[in-house]
Amino acid sequence: MGVPTALPCDGCGQLASAEHIARRLRRLEWATRFRPIHVQALLLSAAAPESDDEFLYNPHGKFAGMAEQVLAALSITAEGKPVEEVLAEVQKRGVMFTQVLECPAEASAGDDSLLEHLERHLPSAIARVRRSLKPKRVLAVSPELRPFLSQLSEAALGSPVFYTPLSVAQAAQAQEIAAFREALPALLAQGA
């Protein structure tokens, strides 16, 4: 029997176990299923959530956390609808939600560690956005991405970049969602 080895994950750059890689591939499969043919707006957050219920494309999703915030910001109600119908509605709008770190940041990592992971993995994420996703516009929706806005430029990504943070904090939530909803139609209309 071989000695288990941890290799860097291409989705987040962290050393990864077989379980980590399997989880990433499962989430990638879920997201790919509802990827729009033409991405009108790419919602970009810092890191994937730890819980599958907070991962927007989970086919068994409860739409909690950031997934719930994204749906609220898009004025999509999930109540009483099958998950596939909700995700198809996101897809029809040409919206895709992804993360710089496609895997959750390590649980033991503090804020500095998350910023270090983001900084190390940002060039790979930029290449993925530019070469594979090719969005018409990018909306950075995580406050953690603010220090990297100069790197997340139109020149780097090949599309205009806007900073419209969303968070799961209840105090800021209503104001951020209102600002996001106000900005989104104009952003989606640009270049359509």
C-alpha atoms as a PDB file:
ATOM      1  CA  MET A   1       0.000   0.000   0.000  1.00  0.00           C
ATOM      2  CA  GLY A   2       1.393   3.413  -0.959  1.00  0.00           C
ATOM      3  CA  VAL A   3       1.965   6.321   1.343  1.00  0.00           C
ATOM      4  CA  PRO A   4      -0.808   8.927   1.000  1.00  0.00           C
ATOM      5  CA  THR A   5       0.476  12.201  -0.368  1.00  0.00           C
ATOM      6  CA  ALA A   6      -1.055  15.633  -0.421  1.00  0.00           C
ATOM      7  CA  LEU A   7      -0.791  17.505  -3.706  1.00  0.00           C
ATOM      8  CA  PRO A   8      -1.680  21.128  -4.396  1.00  0.00           C
ATOM      9  CA  CYS A   9      -5.303  21.515  -5.442  1.00  0.00           C
ATOM     10  CA  ASP A  10      -5.651  23.356  -8.748  1.00  0.00           C
ATOM     11  CA  GLY A  11      -8.882  24.951  -7.502  1.00  0.00           C
ATOM     12  CA  CYS A  12      -7.420  26.631  -4.432  1.00  0.00           C
ATOM     13  CA  GLY A  13      -3.687  25.990  -4.279  1.00  0.00           C
ATOM     14  CA  GLN A  14      -3.896  24.372  -0.831  1.00  0.00           C
ATOM     15  CA  LEU A  15      -2.320  20.986  -0.144  1.00  0.00           C
ATOM     16  CA  ALA A  16      -5.180  18.590  -0.680  1.00  0.00           C
ATOM     17  CA  SER A  17      -6.194  15.116   0.379  1.00  0.00           C
ATOM     18  CA  ALA A  18      -8.114  12.761  -1.890  1.00  0.00           C
ATOM     19  CA  GLU A  19     -11.335  13.813  -0.120  1.00  0.00           C
ATOM     20  CA  HIS A  20     -10.562  17.486  -0.784  1.00  0.00           C
ATOM     21  CA  ILE A  21     -10.080  16.792  -4.505  1.00  0.00           C
ATOM     22  CA  ALA A  22     -13.229  14.657  -4.677  1.00  0.00           C
ATOM     23  CA  ARG A  23     -15.281  17.421  -3.033  1.00  0.00           C
ATOM     24  CA  ARG A  24     -13.886  20.028  -5.425  1.00  0.00           C
ATOM     25  CA  LEU A  25     -14.683  17.863  -8.461  1.00  0.00           C
ATOM     26  CA  ARG A  26     -18.225  17.247  -7.189  1.00  0.00           C
ATOM     27  CA  ARG A  27     -18.812  21.000  -6.769  1.00  0.00           C
ATOM     28  CA  LEU A  28     -17.253  21.689 -10.172  1.00  0.00           C
ATOM     29  CA  GLU A  29     -19.666  19.201 -11.727  1.00  0.00           C
ATOM     30  CA  TRP A  30     -22.618  20.882  -9.999  1.00  0.00           C
ATOM     31  CA  ALA A  31     -21.579  24.367 -11.162  1.00  0.00           C
ATOM     32  CA  THR A  32     -20.856  23.251 -14.722  1.00  0.00           C
ATOM     33  CA  ARG A  33     -24.358  21.857 -15.056  1.00  0.00           C
ATOM     34  CA  PHE A  34     -25.875  25.339 -14.622  1.00  0.00           C
ATOM     35  CA  ARG A  35     -23.173  27.405 -16.304  1.00  0.00           C
ATOM     36  CA  PRO A  36     -24.672  29.845 -18.827  1.00  0.00           C
ATOM     37  CA  ILE A  37     -23.485  29.475 -22.411  1.00  0.00           C
ATOM     38  CA  HIS A  38     -22.649  33.187 -22.413  1.00  0.00           C
ATOM     39  CA  VAL A  39     -21.750  34.569 -18.988  1.00  0.00           C
ATOM     40  CA  GLN A  40     -23.249  38.059 -18.848  1.00  0.00           C
ATOM     41  CA  ALA A  41     -22.209  38.677 -15.244  1.00  0.00           C
ATOM     42  CA  LEU A  42     -19.719  36.693 -13.213  1.00  0.00           C
ATOM     43  CA  LEU A  43     -20.233  37.087  -9.483  1.00  0.00           C
ATOM     44  CA  LEU A  44     -16.810  36.501  -7.945  1.00  0.00           C
ATOM     45  CA  SER A  45     -16.321  35.825  -4.248  1.00  0.00           C
ATOM     46  CA  ALA A  46     -13.159  35.042  -2.299  1.00  0.00           C
ATOM     47  CA  ALA A  47     -13.526  31.406  -1.233  1.00  0.00           C
ATOM     48  CA  ALA A  48     -16.032  28.601  -1.522  1.00  0.00           C
ATOM     49  CA  PRO A  49     -18.176  28.061   1.544  1.00  0.00           C
ATOM     50  CA  GLU A  50     -17.453  25.204   3.912  1.00  0.00           C
ATOM     51  CA  SER A  51     -21.044  23.945   3.881  1.00  0.00           C
ATOM     52  CA  ASP A  52     -22.550  22.471   0.729  1.00  0.00           C
ATOM     53  CA  ASP A  53     -25.841  24.178   1.718  1.00  0.00           C
ATOM     54  CA  GLU A  54     -24.110  27.531   1.136  1.00  0.00           C
ATOM     55  CA  PHE A  55     -22.774  26.453  -2.271  1.00  0.00           C
ATOM     56  CA  LEU A  56     -25.207  27.933  -4.793  1.00  0.00           C
ATOM     57  CA  TYR A  57     -25.083  25.043  -7.285  1.00  0.00           C
ATOM     58  CA  ASN A  58     -25.677  22.233  -4.770  1.00  0.00           C
ATOM     59  CA  PRO A  59     -28.507  20.148  -6.299  1.00  0.00           C
ATOM     60  CA  HIS A  60     -29.716  19.336  -2.777  1.00  0.00           C
ATOM     61  CA  GLY A  61     -29.217  22.927  -1.653  1.00  0.00           C
ATOM     62  CA  LYS A  62     -30.922  24.746   1.121  1.00  0.00           C
ATOM     63  CA  PHE A  63     -29.659  28.087  -0.254  1.00  0.00           C
ATOM     64  CA  ALA A  64     -28.131  29.292   2.988  1.00  0.00           C
ATOM     65  CA  GLY A  65     -25.410  31.893   3.569  1.00  0.00           C
ATOM     66  CA  MET A  66     -23.908  33.460   0.446  1.00  0.00           C
ATOM     67  CA  ALA A  67     -26.092  31.327  -1.860  1.00  0.00           C
ATOM     68  CA  GLU A  68     -29.154  32.806  -0.187  1.00  0.00           C
ATOM     69  CA  GLN A  69     -27.679  36.316  -0.525  1.00  0.00           C
ATOM     70  CA  VAL A  70     -26.993  35.841  -4.238  1.00  0.00           C
ATOM     71  CA  LEU A  71     -30.567  34.682  -4.866  1.00  0.00           C
ATOM     72  CA  ALA A  72     -31.946  37.575  -2.805  1.00  0.00           C
ATOM     73  CA  ALA A  73     -29.785  40.047  -4.716  1.00  0.00           C
ATOM     74  CA  LEU A  74     -31.026  38.612  -8.013  1.00  0.00           C
ATOM     75  CA  SER A  75     -34.648  38.770  -6.746  1.00  0.00           C
ATOM     76  CA  ILE A  76     -35.030  35.022  -7.219  1.00  0.00           C
ATOM     77  CA  THR A  77     -37.209  33.236  -4.704  1.00  0.00           C
ATOM     78  CA  ALA A  78     -36.447  29.621  -3.935  1.00  0.00           C
ATOM     79  CA  GLU A  79     -39.418  28.989  -1.692  1.00  0.00           C
ATOM     80  CA  GLY A  80     -41.691  26.295  -3.059  1.00  0.00           C
ATOM     81  CA  LYS A  81     -39.561  25.707  -6.156  1.00  0.00           C
ATOM     82  CA  PRO A  82     -37.387  22.727  -7.001  1.00  0.00           C
ATOM     83  CA  VAL A  83     -33.656  23.491  -6.753  1.00  0.00           C
ATOM     84  CA  GLU A  84     -33.165  22.831 -10.480  1.00  0.00           C
ATOM     85  CA  GLU A  85     -35.810  25.424 -11.372  1.00  0.00           C
ATOM     86  CA  VAL A  86     -34.118  28.049  -9.179  1.00  0.00           C
ATOM     87  CA  LEU A  87     -30.692  27.330 -10.667  1.00  0.00           C
ATOM     88  CA  ALA A  88     -32.106  27.335 -14.208  1.00  0.00           C
ATOM     89  CA  GLU A  89     -33.461  30.825 -13.520  1.00  0.00           C
ATOM     90  CA  VAL A  90     -29.970  32.002 -12.502  1.00  0.00           C
ATOM     91  CA  GLN A  91     -28.574  30.365 -15.633  1.00  0.00           C
ATOM     92  CA  LYS A  92     -31.171  31.992 -17.941  1.00  0.00           C
ATOM     93  CA  ARG A  93     -30.123  35.402 -16.662  1.00  0.00           C
ATOM     94  CA  GLY A  94     -26.581  34.711 -17.781  1.00  0.00           C
ATOM     95  CA  VAL A  95     -25.266  34.938 -14.230  1.00  0.00           C
ATOM     96  CA  MET A  96     -22.570  32.667 -12.871  1.00  0.00           C
ATOM     97  CA  PHE A  97     -21.293  32.595  -9.305  1.00  0.00           C
ATOM     98  CA  THR A  98     -17.742  31.424  -8.648  1.00  0.00           C
ATOM     99  CA  GLN A  99     -14.858  31.937  -6.273  1.00  0.00           C
ATOM    100  CA  VAL A 100     -11.169  32.802  -6.507  1.00  0.00           C
ATOM    101  CA  LEU A 101     -10.526  29.843  -4.186  1.00  0.00           C
ATOM    102  CA  GLU A 102     -12.837  27.126  -5.476  1.00  0.00           C
ATOM    103  CA  CYS A 103     -12.470  25.248  -2.184  1.00  0.00           C
ATOM    104  CA  PRO A 104     -13.109  26.392   1.382  1.00  0.00           C
ATOM    105  CA  ALA A 105     -10.122  28.006   3.061  1.00  0.00           C
ATOM    106  CA  GLU A 106      -8.594  25.786   5.723  1.00  0.00           C
ATOM    107  CA  ALA A 107     -10.589  25.924   8.954  1.00  0.00           C
ATOM    108  CA  SER A 108      -7.474  26.724  10.993  1.00  0.00           C
ATOM    109  CA  ALA A 109      -6.557  29.639   8.755  1.00  0.00           C
ATOM    110  CA  GLY A 110      -7.081  33.192  10.000  1.00  0.00           C
ATOM    111  CA  ASP A 111      -7.741  36.303   7.931  1.00  0.00           C
ATOM    112  CA  ASP A 112      -4.048  36.739   7.067  1.00  0.00           C
ATOM    113  CA  SER A 113      -3.893  33.173   5.823  1.00  0.00           C
ATOM    114  CA  LEU A 114      -6.974  33.676   3.642  1.00  0.00           C
ATOM    115  CA  LEU A 115      -5.425  36.806   2.129  1.00  0.00           C
ATOM    116  CA  GLU A 116      -2.182  34.895   1.525  1.00  0.00           C
ATOM    117  CA  HIS A 117      -4.099  32.057  -0.189  1.00  0.00           C
ATOM    118  CA  LEU A 118      -5.987  34.579  -2.308  1.00  0.00           C
ATOM    119  CA  GLU A 119      -2.797  36.374  -3.299  1.00  0.00           C
ATOM    120  CA  ARG A 120      -1.048  33.124  -4.288  1.00  0.00           C
ATOM    121  CA  HIS A 121      -4.008  31.735  -6.220  1.00  0.00           C
ATOM    122  CA  LEU A 122      -5.224  34.952  -7.848  1.00  0.00           C
ATOM    123  CA  PRO A 123      -3.162  34.559 -11.068  1.00  0.00           C
ATOM    124  CA  SER A 124      -4.710  31.103 -11.651  1.00  0.00           C
ATOM    125  CA  ALA A 125      -8.198  32.432 -10.973  1.00  0.00           C
ATOM    126  CA  ILE A 126      -7.655  35.363 -13.345  1.00  0.00           C
ATOM    127  CA  ALA A 127      -6.494  32.959 -16.073  1.00  0.00           C
ATOM    128  CA  ARG A 128      -9.596  30.765 -15.506  1.00  0.00           C
ATOM    129  CA  VAL A 129     -11.938  33.764 -15.729  1.00  0.00           C
ATOM    130  CA  ARG A 130     -10.241  35.153 -18.828  1.00  0.00           C
ATOM    131  CA  ARG A 131      -9.728  31.895 -20.747  1.00  0.00           C
ATOM    132  CA  SER A 132     -12.622  29.689 -19.696  1.00  0.00           C
ATOM    133  CA  LEU A 133     -15.506  31.724 -18.302  1.00  0.00           C
ATOM    134  CA  LYS A 134     -15.107  34.799 -20.550  1.00  0.00           C
ATOM    135  CA  PRO A 135     -17.740  36.946 -18.819  1.00  0.00           C
ATOM    136  CA  LYS A 136     -19.063  40.214 -20.239  1.00  0.00           C
ATOM    137  CA  ARG A 137     -18.529  41.771 -16.788  1.00  0.00           C
ATOM    138  CA  VAL A 138     -17.250  40.727 -13.388  1.00  0.00           C
ATOM    139  CA  LEU A 139     -18.788  41.733 -10.083  1.00  0.00           C
ATOM    140  CA  ALA A 140     -16.476  41.211  -7.119  1.00  0.00           C
ATOM    141  CA  VAL A 141     -18.928  40.458  -4.300  1.00  0.00           C
ATOM    142  CA  SER A 142     -16.615  39.659  -1.356  1.00  0.00           C
ATOM    143  CA  PRO A 143     -15.146  42.280   0.951  1.00  0.00           C
ATOM    144  CA  GLU A 144     -12.043  40.032   1.102  1.00  0.00           C
ATOM    145  CA  LEU A 145     -11.392  40.825  -2.587  1.00  0.00           C
ATOM    146  CA  ARG A 146     -11.117  44.586  -1.980  1.00  0.00           C
ATOM    147  CA  PRO A 147      -7.295  44.508  -1.512  1.00  0.00           C
ATOM    148  CA  PHE A 148      -6.991  42.764  -4.890  1.00  0.00           C
ATOM    149  CA  LEU A 149      -9.160  45.071  -7.003  1.00  0.00           C
ATOM    150  CA  SER A 150      -6.132  46.557  -8.748  1.00  0.00           C
ATOM    151  CA  GLN A 151      -5.213  43.033  -9.908  1.00  0.00           C
ATOM    152  CA  LEU A 152      -8.810  42.224 -10.803  1.00  0.00           C
ATOM    153  CA  SER A 153      -8.805  44.850 -13.527  1.00  0.00           C
ATOM    154  CA  GLU A 154     -10.454  44.983 -16.914  1.00  0.00           C
ATOM    155  CA  ALA A 155      -7.014  44.621 -18.501  1.00  0.00           C
ATOM    156  CA  ALA A 156      -6.337  41.432 -16.508  1.00  0.00           C
ATOM    157  CA  LEU A 157      -9.776  39.827 -16.883  1.00  0.00           C
ATOM    158  CA  GLY A 158     -10.755  41.056 -20.336  1.00  0.00           C
ATOM    159  CA  SER A 159     -14.027  42.529 -19.087  1.00  0.00           C
ATOM    160  CA  PRO A 160     -15.144  45.428 -16.886  1.00  0.00           C
ATOM    161  CA  VAL A 161     -14.893  44.789 -13.149  1.00  0.00           C
ATOM    162  CA  PHE A 162     -17.226  46.250 -10.537  1.00  0.00           C
ATOM    163  CA  TYR A 163     -17.002  45.990  -6.766  1.00  0.00           C
ATOM    164  CA  THR A 164     -20.425  45.348  -5.247  1.00  0.00           C
ATOM    165  CA  PRO A 165     -19.900  43.528  -1.946  1.00  0.00           C
ATOM    166  CA  LEU A 166     -22.462  41.176  -0.463  1.00  0.00           C
ATOM    167  CA  SER A 167     -22.082  39.608   2.936  1.00  0.00           C
ATOM    168  CA  VAL A 168     -23.967  37.269   5.175  1.00  0.00           C
ATOM    169  CA  ALA A 169     -23.837  39.779   8.059  1.00  0.00           C
ATOM    170  CA  GLN A 170     -27.414  40.766   8.848  1.00  0.00           C
ATOM    171  CA  ALA A 171     -26.638  44.440   9.593  1.00  0.00           C
ATOM    172  CA  ALA A 172     -25.113  45.180   6.198  1.00  0.00           C
ATOM    173  CA  GLN A 173     -27.210  42.710   4.289  1.00  0.00           C
ATOM    174  CA  ALA A 174     -30.288  44.822   3.422  1.00  0.00           C
ATOM    175  CA  GLN A 175     -28.258  47.855   2.346  1.00  0.00           C
ATOM    176  CA  GLU A 176     -25.827  45.773   0.265  1.00  0.00           C
ATOM    177  CA  ILE A 177     -28.606  43.821  -1.423  1.00  0.00           C
ATOM    178  CA  ALA A 178     -30.431  47.064  -2.263  1.00  0.00           C
ATOM    179  CA  ALA A 179     -27.260  48.542  -3.788  1.00  0.00           C
ATOM    180  CA  PHE A 180     -26.561  45.311  -5.676  1.00  0.00           C
ATOM    181  CA  ARG A 181     -30.110  45.127  -7.059  1.00  0.00           C
ATOM    182  CA  GLU A 182     -29.888  48.766  -8.131  1.00  0.00           C
ATOM    183  CA  ALA A 183     -26.582  48.237  -9.950  1.00  0.00           C
ATOM    184  CA  LEU A 184     -27.236  44.825 -11.527  1.00  0.00           C
ATOM    185  CA  PRO A 185     -29.735  45.715 -14.296  1.00  0.00           C
ATOM    186  CA  ALA A 186     -27.468  48.461 -15.635  1.00  0.00           C
ATOM    187  CA  LEU A 187     -24.449  46.160 -15.448  1.00  0.00           C
ATOM    188  CA  LEU A 188     -26.264  43.360 -17.255  1.00  0.00           C
ATOM    189  CA  ALA A 189     -27.479  45.770 -19.935  1.00  0.00           C
ATOM    190  CA  GLN A 190     -23.971  47.052 -20.715  1.00  0.00           C
ATOM    191  CA  GLY A 191     -22.602  45.428 -23.807  1.00  0.00           C
ATOM    192  CA  ALA A 192     -25.584  43.090 -24.191  1.00  0.00           C
END
